[in-house]
Protein backbone atom coordinates (compact mmCIF):
# COMPACT_ATOMS: atom_id res chain seq x y z
CA MET A 1 130.00 -75.19 50.93
CA GLU A 2 128.97 -71.65 50.34
CA ASP A 3 126.51 -70.27 52.93
CA LYS A 4 124.93 -66.82 53.36
CA VAL A 5 124.17 -64.62 56.22
CA VAL A 6 120.84 -64.56 57.32
CA ASP A 7 120.71 -62.80 60.23
CA SER A 8 123.56 -61.35 62.59
CA ARG A 9 123.30 -60.17 66.36
CA LEU A 10 125.57 -58.74 69.15
CA THR A 11 125.84 -60.95 72.11
CA ASP A 12 127.54 -61.31 75.20
CA GLU A 13 126.97 -57.76 75.88
CA GLY A 14 128.77 -56.76 72.60
CA GLU A 15 131.89 -59.48 73.17
CA SER A 16 130.91 -61.61 70.69
CA ILE A 17 128.23 -61.36 67.06
CA ARG A 18 125.96 -64.44 66.26
CA ARG A 19 125.34 -64.86 63.03
CA ARG A 20 122.52 -67.17 61.35
CA ARG A 21 123.80 -68.63 57.91
CA GLU A 22 121.89 -70.52 55.24
CA CYS A 23 123.80 -73.14 53.21
CA MET A 24 123.34 -71.98 49.48
CA ASN A 25 123.06 -76.05 48.47
CA CYS A 26 121.13 -77.49 51.18
CA ARG A 27 119.32 -74.48 52.56
CA ARG A 28 119.96 -75.75 56.27
CA ARG A 29 120.40 -72.99 58.79
CA PHE A 30 123.08 -73.11 61.38
CA THR A 31 124.83 -70.97 63.82
CA THR A 32 127.97 -69.10 63.83
CA TYR A 33 130.13 -67.36 66.86
CA GLU A 34 132.80 -64.55 65.76
CA ARG A 35 134.19 -63.71 68.93
CA LEU A 36 137.39 -61.05 68.84
CA GLU A 37 140.78 -62.71 69.69
CA ASP A 38 142.71 -61.12 72.08
CA ALA A 39 146.11 -60.14 70.63
CA PRO A 40 149.07 -61.29 73.64
CA LEU A 41 150.52 -57.98 74.87
CA TRP A 42 154.39 -58.44 75.35
CA VAL A 43 157.04 -56.86 77.69
CA ILE A 44 160.37 -56.21 76.48
CA LYS A 45 162.22 -56.33 79.73
CA ARG A 46 165.80 -54.17 79.93
CA SER A 47 168.05 -57.14 78.74
CA GLY A 48 165.67 -57.29 75.56
CA ALA A 49 163.67 -60.51 76.42
CA LYS A 50 160.02 -60.75 75.78
CA GLU A 51 157.39 -62.07 78.00
CA PRO A 52 153.68 -62.05 78.24
CA PHE A 53 152.17 -58.59 79.99
CA ASP A 54 151.37 -60.01 83.33
CA THR A 55 148.06 -58.73 85.10
CA ALA A 56 148.60 -60.03 87.71
CA LYS A 57 152.16 -58.92 88.66
CA LEU A 58 151.31 -55.49 87.83
CA THR A 59 148.21 -55.25 90.22
CA ARG A 60 150.82 -56.57 92.54
CA GLY A 61 153.19 -53.80 92.41
CA ILE A 62 150.20 -51.01 92.54
CA MET A 63 148.81 -52.90 95.80
CA ALA A 64 152.21 -52.85 97.39
CA ALA A 65 152.65 -49.16 96.49
CA THR A 66 149.49 -48.21 98.05
CA LYS A 67 149.80 -50.68 101.36
CA ASN A 68 147.77 -48.94 104.05
CA SER A 69 146.86 -46.08 102.11
CA SER A 70 143.06 -44.60 101.10
CA VAL A 71 143.41 -45.85 97.46
CA SER A 72 140.80 -49.03 97.51
CA ASP A 73 140.83 -52.24 95.95
CA GLU A 74 138.45 -51.17 93.23
CA GLN A 75 140.31 -47.95 92.22
CA ILE A 76 143.86 -50.21 92.14
CA ASP A 77 141.70 -52.79 89.12
CA LEU A 78 139.92 -49.81 87.50
CA PHE A 79 143.50 -48.58 87.45
CA VAL A 80 145.42 -51.77 86.19
CA GLN A 81 142.90 -51.55 83.63
CA GLU A 82 143.28 -48.69 82.25
CA ILE A 83 147.18 -48.71 82.22
CA LYS A 84 146.63 -51.73 80.45
CA ASP A 85 144.17 -50.66 77.65
CA SER A 86 146.46 -47.48 77.37
CA LEU A 87 149.52 -50.22 76.94
CA LYS A 88 147.12 -52.61 74.33
CA SER A 89 146.23 -49.21 71.98
CA ALA A 90 150.23 -48.76 71.38
CA GLY A 91 150.92 -52.32 69.92
CA LYS A 92 151.64 -55.62 70.32
CA GLU A 93 154.74 -54.63 72.65
CA VAL A 94 155.59 -52.49 75.06
CA ASN A 95 159.17 -51.39 76.69
CA TYR A 96 159.13 -52.06 80.48
CA SER A 97 159.47 -48.59 81.32
CA LYS A 98 156.53 -47.16 79.66
CA ILE A 99 154.19 -49.30 82.19
CA GLY A 100 156.03 -48.73 84.97
CA ILE A 101 155.79 -44.63 83.83
CA GLU A 102 152.29 -45.12 83.58
CA VAL A 103 151.95 -46.11 86.80
CA LEU A 104 153.98 -43.34 87.98
CA GLU A 105 151.92 -41.06 86.68
CA HIS A 106 148.51 -42.52 87.55
CA LEU A 107 150.16 -42.99 90.99
CA LYS A 108 151.17 -39.30 91.80
CA GLU A 109 148.12 -38.57 90.50
CA ILE A 110 146.23 -40.56 93.77
CA ASP A 111 148.54 -40.62 96.30
CA GLU A 112 151.91 -38.85 96.69
CA VAL A 113 153.47 -41.32 99.53
CA ALA A 114 152.50 -44.64 97.21
CA TYR A 115 154.03 -42.92 93.89
CA LEU A 116 157.31 -42.64 96.36
CA ARG A 117 156.77 -45.98 97.37
CA PHE A 118 156.28 -47.45 93.76
CA ALA A 119 159.23 -45.04 92.49
CA SER A 120 161.55 -46.06 95.00
CA VAL A 121 161.13 -49.51 93.58
CA TYR A 122 161.08 -48.87 89.82
CA LYS A 123 163.40 -45.77 89.63
CA ASN A 124 166.20 -48.34 92.20
CA PHE A 125 166.78 -45.61 94.92
CA ARG A 126 169.71 -45.93 97.26
CA ASP A 127 169.01 -43.55 99.34
CA ARG A 128 167.59 -40.76 101.28
CA LYS A 129 168.70 -38.14 98.95
CA ASP A 130 167.02 -40.40 95.81
CA PHE A 131 163.71 -39.31 97.98
CA GLU A 132 164.27 -36.23 98.36
CA HIS A 133 165.11 -35.42 94.74
CA GLU A 134 161.92 -37.00 94.43
CA VAL A 135 159.68 -35.01 96.70
CA GLY A 136 161.44 -32.43 94.98
CA LEU A 137 160.31 -32.92 91.37
CA LEU A 138 156.63 -33.21 93.05
CA GLU A 139 157.05 -30.10 94.85
CA LYS A 140 158.44 -28.74 91.61
CA GLU A 141 154.93 -29.70 89.77
CA ASP A 142 152.70 -29.00 92.41
CA TYR A 143 154.25 -25.39 92.19
CA HIS A 144 153.33 -25.78 88.46
CA ARG A 145 150.51 -26.23 88.53
CA ASN A 146 150.11 -23.24 90.33
CA LYS A 147 149.36 -25.06 93.65
CA LYS A 148 150.97 -23.78 96.88
CA PRO A 149 153.24 -25.78 97.79
CA ASP A 150 152.63 -28.06 100.31
CA THR A 151 155.33 -28.50 103.16
CA GLY A 152 153.71 -30.20 106.11
CA ASN A 153 152.77 -32.68 103.82
CA GLN A 154 152.56 -36.75 104.64
CA ILE A 155 156.31 -37.26 102.23
CA ASP A 156 158.20 -34.61 104.50
CA SER A 157 156.92 -35.79 107.66
CA LYS A 158 158.23 -39.61 107.21
CA LEU A 159 161.42 -38.26 105.16
CA SER A 160 161.97 -36.19 108.78
CA ASN A 161 161.03 -39.44 110.77
CA ASN A 162 163.45 -41.22 108.84
CA LYS A 163 166.40 -39.14 109.13
CA PRO A 164 169.60 -40.57 111.32
CA GLY A 165 169.15 -39.31 114.77
CA ASN A 166 165.31 -38.97 114.93
CA ASP A 167 164.98 -42.77 116.36
């Protein structure tokens, strides 16, 4: 069956294309819809196994890190979408470490405590020294951005409150 396109229009807020077509043999007209099919994003785990990217899993991890913070659910949704878009633009497969790095970079900009919470799981912190080392890295970055290092901030006070003997 041969046909020709008579009219094309974007529909569904640009998510699909509606095409009016005409059969070249019988002159009958009909409509087709074309939609972009999302190719699945695959995550390559530490073990080398592949699994489909799970948006809900990413959201849960970020929500756990930002619990009791000033970060809103809307910010988290936007944040997750930005990360997902960034990962998809990199290809069909992404290493698990790229996801963690993207999350850390975003969290570093919006909430340092949430950053440390996520980093403690992602980087597998073993003790207080791991936290102190990460705080030191944050302070160095602040200094190199020409910001005055914040010595009395939430991070320092939380760490000092968790030292042995402060019970």
